[in-house]
Amino acid sequence: MCGNPDGKPAVVVHGGPGSGCSVGQRRTFDPEHYRIILFDQRNCGRSLPHASDPATDLSANTTQHLIADMELLREHLGVERWLLYGGSWGSTLTLAYAEAYPERVSEVVIVAVTMTRRSEIDWLYRGVGRFFPEQWQRFREGVPEAERDGDLLAAYSRLMSDPDPAVRTKAAHDWVTWEDTVISLEVNGKPNAYSDRPPAALLAFTRICAHYFSNAAWLEEGVLLREAHKLAGIPGVLIHGRFDLGGPLETAWQLAQAWPDARLVVVEDSGHTGSDTLRKELHAAVEGFAH
């Protein structure tokens, strides 16, 4: 934790899944006004055991486990209600928690809105390939030939649990190379945002991503949108880049239609990894809820 211990509680729900928290995420909040809570989700960041170790069992790492972790953390810290801030995968987990415990949520700020529906997963790891056919072919060829016409994400998940470190390293490289390709057209974003990680963090990120996405995050298809009515009365700001190729704006728009208390901000010069304009909108949203 950091910031003002008597300030407004806000919890950072990081992306990935498996990215872990970064120091930069706390800079979104004014430390005089906010009690900033950063927690690393299971098996990544500073959370142990770490997913970079293939011996680490991920069977107890699911969306439902993470929701329970958040509620235990809230109780442990003695927080009555808190602001949720999440981005990308973090927006999915934020929505899942808020729909489970709406009475514990004061406000929500989401960047790069996702709901991790199967259609969204299929778009990110297959559909976007129509824009990058050569690079997607290389991503597909990263798994054994017999599995290339099946569930690529499940195949990658198996590779990331292989006892041979060379197999895991190559699979992680192939995975993040594709992720970097998807954001490569973002002129105001951060290039190589996925591959620019220390080796252990990169392995954990890839392994947890493949674990979650090959299981559709253990969410019933479309459940977060169908149950958005549970968010009634919770003020929200949804911030999404117009040029987010991996997570098209349609998802944010659909959520805004189903959640009357949420305001959608479309950032015209941003993709998935942000821009100066997007960061200004984010700071404005958080500052607007500070008091």
C-alpha atoms as a PDB file:
ATOM      1  CA  MET A   1       0.000   0.000   0.000  1.00  0.00           C
ATOM      2  CA  CYS A   2       1.006   3.610  -0.471  1.00  0.00           C
ATOM      3  CA  GLY A   3      -0.464   7.085  -0.371  1.00  0.00           C
ATOM      4  CA  ASN A   4      -2.560   8.471   2.463  1.00  0.00           C
ATOM      5  CA  PRO A   5      -3.523   5.741   4.983  1.00  0.00           C
ATOM      6  CA  ASP A   6      -6.625   7.787   5.803  1.00  0.00           C
ATOM      7  CA  GLY A   7      -7.417   8.534   2.168  1.00  0.00           C
ATOM      8  CA  LYS A   8     -10.063   7.146  -0.136  1.00  0.00           C
ATOM      9  CA  PRO A   9      -9.345   3.411  -0.691  1.00  0.00           C
ATOM     10  CA  ALA A  10      -8.580   2.426  -4.287  1.00  0.00           C
ATOM     11  CA  VAL A  11      -7.404  -0.968  -5.489  1.00  0.00           C
ATOM     12  CA  VAL A  12      -5.419  -1.507  -8.675  1.00  0.00           C
ATOM     13  CA  VAL A  13      -6.538  -4.611 -10.586  1.00  0.00           C
ATOM     14  CA  HIS A  14      -3.674  -5.334 -12.975  1.00  0.00           C
ATOM     15  CA  GLY A  15      -3.914  -6.790 -16.435  1.00  0.00           C
ATOM     16  CA  GLY A  16      -2.551  -9.820 -18.182  1.00  0.00           C
ATOM     17  CA  PRO A  17      -3.717 -11.968 -16.598  1.00  0.00           C
ATOM     18  CA  GLY A  18      -0.303 -12.501 -15.069  1.00  0.00           C
ATOM     19  CA  SER A  19       1.240  -9.063 -15.573  1.00  0.00           C
ATOM     20  CA  GLY A  20       1.670  -8.226 -11.892  1.00  0.00           C
ATOM     21  CA  CYS A  21       1.545  -4.683 -10.550  1.00  0.00           C
ATOM     22  CA  SER A  22       4.013  -1.984 -11.541  1.00  0.00           C
ATOM     23  CA  VAL A  23       5.226   1.079  -9.689  1.00  0.00           C
ATOM     24  CA  GLY A  24       3.808   3.277 -12.433  1.00  0.00           C
ATOM     25  CA  GLN A  25       0.243   2.187 -11.702  1.00  0.00           C
ATOM     26  CA  ARG A  26       0.198   3.995  -8.364  1.00  0.00           C
ATOM     27  CA  ARG A  27       1.063   7.252 -10.121  1.00  0.00           C
ATOM     28  CA  THR A  28      -2.463   7.352 -11.482  1.00  0.00           C
ATOM     29  CA  PHE A  29      -3.631   8.403  -8.015  1.00  0.00           C
ATOM     30  CA  ASP A  30      -2.968  11.528  -5.966  1.00  0.00           C
ATOM     31  CA  PRO A  31      -1.221  10.116  -2.866  1.00  0.00           C
ATOM     32  CA  GLU A  32      -2.684  12.876  -0.697  1.00  0.00           C
ATOM     33  CA  HIS A  33      -6.238  11.861  -1.509  1.00  0.00           C
ATOM     34  CA  TYR A  34      -5.991   8.117  -2.004  1.00  0.00           C
ATOM     35  CA  ARG A  35      -5.040   5.041  -0.021  1.00  0.00           C
ATOM     36  CA  ILE A  36      -3.587   3.067  -2.946  1.00  0.00           C
ATOM     37  CA  ILE A  37      -3.729  -0.722  -2.768  1.00  0.00           C
ATOM     38  CA  LEU A  38      -1.723  -2.739  -5.286  1.00  0.00           C
ATOM     39  CA  PHE A  39      -2.080  -6.491  -5.144  1.00  0.00           C
ATOM     40  CA  ASP A  40      -0.387  -9.026  -7.345  1.00  0.00           C
ATOM     41  CA  GLN A  41      -2.839 -11.670  -8.508  1.00  0.00           C
ATOM     42  CA  ARG A  42      -2.011 -15.311  -7.884  1.00  0.00           C
ATOM     43  CA  ASN A  43       1.356 -16.641  -9.080  1.00  0.00           C
ATOM     44  CA  CYS A  44       2.659 -13.421 -10.651  1.00  0.00           C
ATOM     45  CA  GLY A  45       4.511 -10.281  -9.624  1.00  0.00           C
ATOM     46  CA  ARG A  46       5.473 -10.721  -5.969  1.00  0.00           C
ATOM     47  CA  SER A  47       2.854 -13.416  -5.403  1.00  0.00           C
ATOM     48  CA  LEU A  48       4.301 -16.821  -4.578  1.00  0.00           C
ATOM     49  CA  PRO A  49       4.610 -19.557  -5.677  1.00  0.00           C
ATOM     50  CA  HIS A  50       5.485 -17.994  -9.022  1.00  0.00           C
ATOM     51  CA  ALA A  51       4.112 -19.285 -12.319  1.00  0.00           C
ATOM     52  CA  SER A  52       7.547 -19.071 -13.951  1.00  0.00           C
ATOM     53  CA  ASP A  53       8.314 -22.310 -12.071  1.00  0.00           C
ATOM     54  CA  PRO A  54       6.646 -25.144 -14.027  1.00  0.00           C
ATOM     55  CA  ALA A  55       6.176 -27.014 -10.745  1.00  0.00           C
ATOM     56  CA  THR A  56       3.732 -24.338  -9.596  1.00  0.00           C
ATOM     57  CA  ASP A  57       0.213 -25.743  -9.771  1.00  0.00           C
ATOM     58  CA  LEU A  58      -2.214 -23.318 -11.437  1.00  0.00           C
ATOM     59  CA  SER A  59      -5.355 -25.354 -10.775  1.00  0.00           C
ATOM     60  CA  ALA A  60      -6.285 -23.004  -7.908  1.00  0.00           C
ATOM     61  CA  ASN A  61      -5.771 -19.923 -10.063  1.00  0.00           C
ATOM     62  CA  THR A  62      -9.111 -19.044 -11.650  1.00  0.00           C
ATOM     63  CA  THR A  63     -11.280 -15.946 -11.891  1.00  0.00           C
ATOM     64  CA  GLN A  64     -13.365 -17.171  -8.967  1.00  0.00           C
ATOM     65  CA  HIS A  65     -10.230 -17.591  -6.826  1.00  0.00           C
ATOM     66  CA  LEU A  66      -9.129 -14.045  -7.683  1.00  0.00           C
ATOM     67  CA  ILE A  67     -12.534 -12.602  -6.773  1.00  0.00           C
ATOM     68  CA  ALA A  68     -12.293 -14.363  -3.408  1.00  0.00           C
ATOM     69  CA  ASP A  69      -8.735 -13.038  -2.961  1.00  0.00           C
ATOM     70  CA  MET A  70      -9.920  -9.472  -3.517  1.00  0.00           C
ATOM     71  CA  GLU A  71     -12.672  -9.826  -0.938  1.00  0.00           C
ATOM     72  CA  LEU A  72     -10.275 -11.357   1.603  1.00  0.00           C
ATOM     73  CA  LEU A  73      -7.861  -8.490   0.977  1.00  0.00           C
ATOM     74  CA  ARG A  74     -10.597  -5.915   1.502  1.00  0.00           C
ATOM     75  CA  GLU A  75     -11.610  -7.531   4.792  1.00  0.00           C
ATOM     76  CA  HIS A  76      -7.985  -7.872   5.913  1.00  0.00           C
ATOM     77  CA  LEU A  77      -7.340  -4.177   5.326  1.00  0.00           C
ATOM     78  CA  GLY A  78     -10.544  -3.112   7.025  1.00  0.00           C
ATOM     79  CA  VAL A  79     -11.877  -1.351   3.926  1.00  0.00           C
ATOM     80  CA  GLU A  80     -15.637  -0.812   3.837  1.00  0.00           C
ATOM     81  CA  ARG A  81     -15.880   0.239   0.167  1.00  0.00           C
ATOM     82  CA  TRP A  82     -13.218   0.911  -2.431  1.00  0.00           C
ATOM     83  CA  LEU A  83     -12.750   2.335  -5.886  1.00  0.00           C
ATOM     84  CA  LEU A  84     -11.752  -0.280  -8.447  1.00  0.00           C
ATOM     85  CA  TYR A  85      -9.287   0.601 -11.183  1.00  0.00           C
ATOM     86  CA  GLY A  86      -8.542  -2.019 -13.818  1.00  0.00           C
ATOM     87  CA  GLY A  87      -7.268  -2.241 -17.356  1.00  0.00           C
ATOM     88  CA  SER A  88      -7.433  -4.886 -20.081  1.00  0.00           C
ATOM     89  CA  TRP A  89      -7.770  -8.249 -18.260  1.00  0.00           C
ATOM     90  CA  GLY A  90      -8.022  -6.161 -15.098  1.00  0.00           C
ATOM     91  CA  SER A  91     -11.291  -4.736 -16.396  1.00  0.00           C
ATOM     92  CA  THR A  92     -12.743  -8.245 -16.653  1.00  0.00           C
ATOM     93  CA  LEU A  93     -11.734  -9.070 -13.083  1.00  0.00           C
ATOM     94  CA  THR A  94     -12.963  -5.663 -11.904  1.00  0.00           C
ATOM     95  CA  LEU A  95     -16.377  -6.268 -13.450  1.00  0.00           C
ATOM     96  CA  ALA A  96     -16.565  -9.816 -12.091  1.00  0.00           C
ATOM     97  CA  TYR A  97     -15.771  -8.620  -8.559  1.00  0.00           C
ATOM     98  CA  ALA A  98     -18.109  -5.622  -8.759  1.00  0.00           C
ATOM     99  CA  GLU A  99     -21.004  -7.793  -9.914  1.00  0.00           C
ATOM    100  CA  ALA A 100     -20.306 -10.240  -7.078  1.00  0.00           C
ATOM    101  CA  TYR A 101     -19.916  -7.552  -4.394  1.00  0.00           C
ATOM    102  CA  PRO A 102     -21.566  -4.346  -5.652  1.00  0.00           C
ATOM    103  CA  GLU A 103     -22.142  -3.115  -2.109  1.00  0.00           C
ATOM    104  CA  ARG A 104     -18.353  -3.012  -1.587  1.00  0.00           C
ATOM    105  CA  VAL A 105     -17.624  -0.832  -4.616  1.00  0.00           C
ATOM    106  CA  SER A 106     -17.723   2.972  -4.470  1.00  0.00           C
ATOM    107  CA  GLU A 107     -16.718   3.716  -8.089  1.00  0.00           C
ATOM    108  CA  VAL A 108     -15.115   1.979 -11.060  1.00  0.00           C
ATOM    109  CA  VAL A 109     -12.563   3.254 -13.557  1.00  0.00           C
ATOM    110  CA  ILE A 110     -11.736   0.920 -16.432  1.00  0.00           C
ATOM    111  CA  VAL A 111      -9.249   1.352 -19.269  1.00  0.00           C
ATOM    112  CA  ALA A 112      -9.188  -0.872 -22.384  1.00  0.00           C
ATOM    113  CA  VAL A 113     -12.448  -2.611 -21.592  1.00  0.00           C
ATOM    114  CA  THR A 114     -12.613  -6.373 -21.930  1.00  0.00           C
ATOM    115  CA  MET A 115     -15.091  -8.991 -20.729  1.00  0.00           C
ATOM    116  CA  THR A 116     -13.017 -12.004 -21.854  1.00  0.00           C
ATOM    117  CA  ARG A 117     -15.840 -13.558 -23.823  1.00  0.00           C
ATOM    118  CA  ARG A 118     -14.910 -16.402 -26.125  1.00  0.00           C
ATOM    119  CA  SER A 119     -15.594 -14.140 -29.089  1.00  0.00           C
ATOM    120  CA  GLU A 120     -13.068 -11.613 -27.758  1.00  0.00           C
ATOM    121  CA  ILE A 121     -10.445 -14.288 -27.115  1.00  0.00           C
ATOM    122  CA  ASP A 122     -10.951 -15.756 -30.585  1.00  0.00           C
ATOM    123  CA  TRP A 123     -10.601 -12.308 -32.130  1.00  0.00           C
ATOM    124  CA  LEU A 124      -7.350 -11.547 -30.306  1.00  0.00           C
ATOM    125  CA  TYR A 125      -5.627 -14.853 -31.013  1.00  0.00           C
ATOM    126  CA  ARG A 126      -7.118 -15.697 -34.395  1.00  0.00           C
ATOM    127  CA  GLY A 127      -9.238 -12.967 -35.951  1.00  0.00           C
ATOM    128  CA  VAL A 128      -6.589 -10.243 -35.833  1.00  0.00           C
ATOM    129  CA  GLY A 129      -4.495 -12.559 -37.976  1.00  0.00           C
ATOM    130  CA  ARG A 130      -6.305 -11.244 -41.067  1.00  0.00           C
ATOM    131  CA  PHE A 131      -4.288  -8.034 -40.601  1.00  0.00           C
ATOM    132  CA  PHE A 132      -1.015  -9.859 -39.908  1.00  0.00           C
ATOM    133  CA  PRO A 133      -1.272 -13.189 -41.763  1.00  0.00           C
ATOM    134  CA  GLU A 134       2.466 -13.899 -41.818  1.00  0.00           C
ATOM    135  CA  GLN A 135       2.940 -13.182 -38.117  1.00  0.00           C
ATOM    136  CA  TRP A 136      -0.171 -15.166 -37.160  1.00  0.00           C
ATOM    137  CA  GLN A 137       1.096 -18.107 -39.176  1.00  0.00           C
ATOM    138  CA  ARG A 138       4.290 -18.030 -37.116  1.00  0.00           C
ATOM    139  CA  PHE A 139       2.207 -17.900 -33.912  1.00  0.00           C
ATOM    140  CA  ARG A 140       0.246 -20.929 -35.128  1.00  0.00           C
ATOM    141  CA  GLU A 141       3.444 -22.768 -36.002  1.00  0.00           C
ATOM    142  CA  GLY A 142       4.675 -22.286 -32.434  1.00  0.00           C
ATOM    143  CA  VAL A 143       2.704 -25.346 -31.353  1.00  0.00           C
ATOM    144  CA  PRO A 144       3.173 -28.977 -32.525  1.00  0.00           C
ATOM    145  CA  GLU A 145       1.878 -29.583 -36.034  1.00  0.00           C
ATOM    146  CA  ALA A 146      -0.831 -31.979 -34.863  1.00  0.00           C
ATOM    147  CA  GLU A 147      -2.371 -29.205 -32.716  1.00  0.00           C
ATOM    148  CA  ARG A 148      -2.275 -26.303 -35.184  1.00  0.00           C
ATOM    149  CA  ASP A 149      -5.846 -26.782 -36.386  1.00  0.00           C
ATOM    150  CA  GLY A 150      -7.199 -27.252 -32.876  1.00  0.00           C
ATOM    151  CA  ASP A 151      -7.146 -25.169 -29.703  1.00  0.00           C
ATOM    152  CA  LEU A 152      -3.965 -23.119 -30.075  1.00  0.00           C
ATOM    153  CA  LEU A 153      -4.263 -21.582 -26.623  1.00  0.00           C
ATOM    154  CA  ALA A 154      -4.614 -24.953 -24.911  1.00  0.00           C
ATOM    155  CA  ALA A 155      -1.572 -26.140 -26.866  1.00  0.00           C
ATOM    156  CA  TYR A 156       0.422 -23.143 -25.669  1.00  0.00           C
ATOM    157  CA  SER A 157      -0.760 -23.802 -22.121  1.00  0.00           C
ATOM    158  CA  ARG A 158       0.656 -27.309 -22.319  1.00  0.00           C
ATOM    159  CA  LEU A 159       3.940 -26.028 -23.732  1.00  0.00           C
ATOM    160  CA  MET A 160       4.260 -23.528 -20.881  1.00  0.00           C
ATOM    161  CA  SER A 161       4.085 -26.402 -18.379  1.00  0.00           C
ATOM    162  CA  ASP A 162       6.721 -28.478 -20.169  1.00  0.00           C
ATOM    163  CA  PRO A 163       9.612 -29.551 -17.918  1.00  0.00           C
ATOM    164  CA  ASP A 164      12.132 -28.522 -20.608  1.00  0.00           C
ATOM    165  CA  PRO A 165      13.078 -24.853 -20.064  1.00  0.00           C
ATOM    166  CA  ALA A 166      13.945 -24.456 -23.744  1.00  0.00           C
ATOM    167  CA  VAL A 167      10.401 -25.463 -24.725  1.00  0.00           C
ATOM    168  CA  ARG A 168       8.866 -22.995 -22.260  1.00  0.00           C
ATOM    169  CA  THR A 169      11.173 -20.175 -23.313  1.00  0.00           C
ATOM    170  CA  LYS A 170      10.396 -20.629 -27.011  1.00  0.00           C
ATOM    171  CA  ALA A 171       6.647 -20.846 -26.388  1.00  0.00           C
ATOM    172  CA  ALA A 172       6.729 -17.671 -24.295  1.00  0.00           C
ATOM    173  CA  HIS A 173       8.739 -15.887 -26.995  1.00  0.00           C
ATOM    174  CA  ASP A 174       6.292 -16.955 -29.710  1.00  0.00           C
ATOM    175  CA  TRP A 175       3.327 -15.847 -27.602  1.00  0.00           C
ATOM    176  CA  VAL A 176       4.585 -12.359 -26.726  1.00  0.00           C
ATOM    177  CA  THR A 177       5.847 -11.828 -30.278  1.00  0.00           C
ATOM    178  CA  TRP A 178       2.238 -12.205 -31.416  1.00  0.00           C
ATOM    179  CA  GLU A 179       0.991  -9.901 -28.631  1.00  0.00           C
ATOM    180  CA  ASP A 180       3.560  -7.290 -29.695  1.00  0.00           C
ATOM    181  CA  THR A 181       2.429  -7.627 -33.302  1.00  0.00           C
ATOM    182  CA  VAL A 182      -1.175  -6.804 -32.381  1.00  0.00           C
ATOM    183  CA  ILE A 183      -0.131  -3.470 -30.812  1.00  0.00           C
ATOM    184  CA  SER A 184       2.542  -2.681 -33.400  1.00  0.00           C
ATOM    185  CA  LEU A 185       0.396  -0.126 -35.274  1.00  0.00           C
ATOM    186  CA  GLU A 186      -0.169   2.062 -32.204  1.00  0.00           C
ATOM    187  CA  VAL A 187       1.854   5.166 -33.018  1.00  0.00           C
ATOM    188  CA  ASN A 188       1.265   6.734 -29.583  1.00  0.00           C
ATOM    189  CA  GLY A 189       1.552   3.518 -27.608  1.00  0.00           C
ATOM    190  CA  LYS A 190       4.360   1.532 -26.074  1.00  0.00           C
ATOM    191  CA  PRO A 191       6.164  -0.736 -28.569  1.00  0.00           C
ATOM    192  CA  ASN A 192       7.063  -4.261 -27.465  1.00  0.00           C
ATOM    193  CA  ALA A 193       4.993  -3.823 -24.308  1.00  0.00           C
ATOM    194  CA  TYR A 194       4.581  -7.572 -23.876  1.00  0.00           C
ATOM    195  CA  SER A 195       8.093  -8.803 -24.574  1.00  0.00           C
ATOM    196  CA  ASP A 196       9.764  -6.036 -22.569  1.00  0.00           C
ATOM    197  CA  ARG A 197       9.747  -7.988 -19.296  1.00  0.00           C
ATOM    198  CA  PRO A 198      12.382  -9.787 -17.211  1.00  0.00           C
ATOM    199  CA  PRO A 199      12.597 -13.498 -18.122  1.00  0.00           C
ATOM    200  CA  ALA A 200      10.734 -14.848 -15.074  1.00  0.00           C
ATOM    201  CA  ALA A 201       7.959 -12.275 -15.424  1.00  0.00           C
ATOM    202  CA  LEU A 202       7.606 -13.061 -19.124  1.00  0.00           C
ATOM    203  CA  LEU A 203       7.289 -16.789 -18.441  1.00  0.00           C
ATOM    204  CA  ALA A 204       4.680 -16.235 -15.718  1.00  0.00           C
ATOM    205  CA  PHE A 205       2.719 -13.809 -17.880  1.00  0.00           C
ATOM    206  CA  THR A 206       2.551 -16.201 -20.823  1.00  0.00           C
ATOM    207  CA  ARG A 207       1.749 -19.242 -18.734  1.00  0.00           C
ATOM    208  CA  ILE A 208      -1.075 -17.538 -16.839  1.00  0.00           C
ATOM    209  CA  CYS A 209      -2.490 -15.944 -20.014  1.00  0.00           C
ATOM    210  CA  ALA A 210      -2.614 -19.293 -21.800  1.00  0.00           C
ATOM    211  CA  HIS A 211      -4.084 -20.944 -18.686  1.00  0.00           C
ATOM    212  CA  TYR A 212      -6.895 -18.383 -18.434  1.00  0.00           C
ATOM    213  CA  PHE A 213      -7.716 -17.846 -22.078  1.00  0.00           C
ATOM    214  CA  SER A 214      -7.729 -21.543 -22.968  1.00  0.00           C
ATOM    215  CA  ASN A 215     -10.415 -21.886 -20.269  1.00  0.00           C
ATOM    216  CA  ALA A 216     -12.363 -18.727 -21.242  1.00  0.00           C
ATOM    217  CA  ALA A 217     -11.465 -17.410 -17.772  1.00  0.00           C
ATOM    218  CA  TRP A 218     -13.973 -19.844 -16.239  1.00  0.00           C
ATOM    219  CA  LEU A 219     -16.745 -17.366 -17.036  1.00  0.00           C
ATOM    220  CA  GLU A 220     -20.091 -18.299 -18.512  1.00  0.00           C
ATOM    221  CA  GLU A 221     -20.198 -16.768 -21.971  1.00  0.00           C
ATOM    222  CA  GLY A 222     -21.457 -13.197 -21.849  1.00  0.00           C
ATOM    223  CA  VAL A 223     -22.226 -13.297 -18.123  1.00  0.00           C
ATOM    224  CA  LEU A 224     -20.548  -9.986 -17.275  1.00  0.00           C
ATOM    225  CA  LEU A 225     -22.641  -8.118 -19.831  1.00  0.00           C
ATOM    226  CA  ARG A 226     -25.870  -9.906 -18.897  1.00  0.00           C
ATOM    227  CA  GLU A 227     -25.382  -9.107 -15.227  1.00  0.00           C
ATOM    228  CA  ALA A 228     -24.241  -5.512 -15.691  1.00  0.00           C
ATOM    229  CA  HIS A 229     -27.568  -4.480 -14.138  1.00  0.00           C
ATOM    230  CA  LYS A 230     -25.977  -5.387 -10.794  1.00  0.00           C
ATOM    231  CA  LEU A 231     -23.731  -2.343 -11.227  1.00  0.00           C
ATOM    232  CA  ALA A 232     -26.699   0.046 -11.047  1.00  0.00           C
ATOM    233  CA  GLY A 233     -25.899   2.924  -8.725  1.00  0.00           C
ATOM    234  CA  ILE A 234     -22.130   2.532  -9.037  1.00  0.00           C
ATOM    235  CA  PRO A 235     -20.562   5.447 -10.935  1.00  0.00           C
ATOM    236  CA  GLY A 236     -18.137   4.286 -13.601  1.00  0.00           C
ATOM    237  CA  VAL A 237     -15.865   5.675 -16.275  1.00  0.00           C
ATOM    238  CA  LEU A 238     -14.949   3.459 -19.238  1.00  0.00           C
ATOM    239  CA  ILE A 239     -11.941   4.708 -21.205  1.00  0.00           C
ATOM    240  CA  HIS A 240     -11.132   3.039 -24.503  1.00  0.00           C
ATOM    241  CA  GLY A 241      -8.837   3.791 -27.415  1.00  0.00           C
ATOM    242  CA  ARG A 242     -10.473   4.061 -30.827  1.00  0.00           C
ATOM    243  CA  PHE A 243      -7.570   2.111 -32.372  1.00  0.00           C
ATOM    244  CA  ASP A 244      -7.427  -0.783 -29.923  1.00  0.00           C
ATOM    245  CA  LEU A 245      -7.061  -3.534 -32.514  1.00  0.00           C
ATOM    246  CA  GLY A 246      -6.830  -6.407 -30.051  1.00  0.00           C
ATOM    247  CA  GLY A 247      -9.807  -5.236 -27.997  1.00  0.00           C
ATOM    248  CA  PRO A 248     -12.250  -3.461 -30.313  1.00  0.00           C
ATOM    249  CA  LEU A 249     -14.307  -0.542 -29.014  1.00  0.00           C
ATOM    250  CA  GLU A 250     -17.538  -2.497 -29.465  1.00  0.00           C
ATOM    251  CA  THR A 251     -17.040  -4.238 -26.108  1.00  0.00           C
ATOM    252  CA  ALA A 252     -16.796  -0.949 -24.202  1.00  0.00           C
ATOM    253  CA  TRP A 253     -19.800   0.422 -26.086  1.00  0.00           C
ATOM    254  CA  GLN A 254     -21.922  -2.632 -25.266  1.00  0.00           C
ATOM    255  CA  LEU A 255     -21.053  -2.367 -21.583  1.00  0.00           C
ATOM    256  CA  ALA A 256     -21.885   1.340 -21.521  1.00  0.00           C
ATOM    257  CA  GLN A 257     -25.336   0.586 -22.977  1.00  0.00           C
ATOM    258  CA  ALA A 258     -26.004  -1.943 -20.213  1.00  0.00           C
ATOM    259  CA  TRP A 259     -24.653   0.184 -17.350  1.00  0.00           C
ATOM    260  CA  PRO A 260     -26.500   3.517 -17.182  1.00  0.00           C
ATOM    261  CA  ASP A 261     -24.254   4.874 -14.410  1.00  0.00           C
ATOM    262  CA  ALA A 262     -21.120   4.477 -16.546  1.00  0.00           C
ATOM    263  CA  ARG A 263     -19.694   7.129 -18.853  1.00  0.00           C
ATOM    264  CA  LEU A 264     -17.822   5.983 -21.964  1.00  0.00           C
ATOM    265  CA  VAL A 265     -14.805   8.039 -23.046  1.00  0.00           C
ATOM    266  CA  VAL A 266     -13.464   7.188 -26.502  1.00  0.00           C
ATOM    267  CA  VAL A 267      -9.876   8.348 -26.997  1.00  0.00           C
ATOM    268  CA  GLU A 268      -9.302   9.116 -30.653  1.00  0.00           C
ATOM    269  CA  ASP A 269      -5.494   8.838 -30.717  1.00  0.00           C
ATOM    270  CA  SER A 270      -5.058   5.698 -28.611  1.00  0.00           C
ATOM    271  CA  GLY A 271      -4.851   1.968 -29.009  1.00  0.00           C
ATOM    272  CA  HIS A 272      -4.557  -0.708 -26.313  1.00  0.00           C
ATOM    273  CA  THR A 273      -1.350   0.593 -24.743  1.00  0.00           C
ATOM    274  CA  GLY A 274      -2.525   4.165 -24.358  1.00  0.00           C
ATOM    275  CA  SER A 275      -1.479   7.680 -25.299  1.00  0.00           C
ATOM    276  CA  ASP A 276      -0.925  10.980 -23.536  1.00  0.00           C
ATOM    277  CA  THR A 277      -4.568  11.823 -24.168  1.00  0.00           C
ATOM    278  CA  LEU A 278      -5.754   8.558 -22.641  1.00  0.00           C
ATOM    279  CA  ARG A 279      -3.583   9.091 -19.580  1.00  0.00           C
ATOM    280  CA  LYS A 280      -5.052  12.573 -19.121  1.00  0.00           C
ATOM    281  CA  GLU A 281      -8.563  11.139 -19.291  1.00  0.00           C
ATOM    282  CA  LEU A 282      -7.602   8.488 -16.749  1.00  0.00           C
ATOM    283  CA  HIS A 283      -6.187  11.042 -14.323  1.00  0.00           C
ATOM    284  CA  ALA A 284      -9.293  13.207 -14.754  1.00  0.00           C
ATOM    285  CA  ALA A 285     -11.574  10.269 -13.994  1.00  0.00           C
ATOM    286  CA  VAL A 286      -9.653   9.266 -10.882  1.00  0.00           C
ATOM    287  CA  GLU A 287      -9.374  12.852  -9.664  1.00  0.00           C
ATOM    288  CA  GLY A 288     -13.084  13.312 -10.235  1.00  0.00           C
ATOM    289  CA  PHE A 289     -13.793  10.554  -7.727  1.00  0.00           C
ATOM    290  CA  ALA A 290     -11.158  11.666  -5.197  1.00  0.00           C
ATOM    291  CA  HIS A 291     -13.590  13.537  -2.952  1.00  0.00           C
END
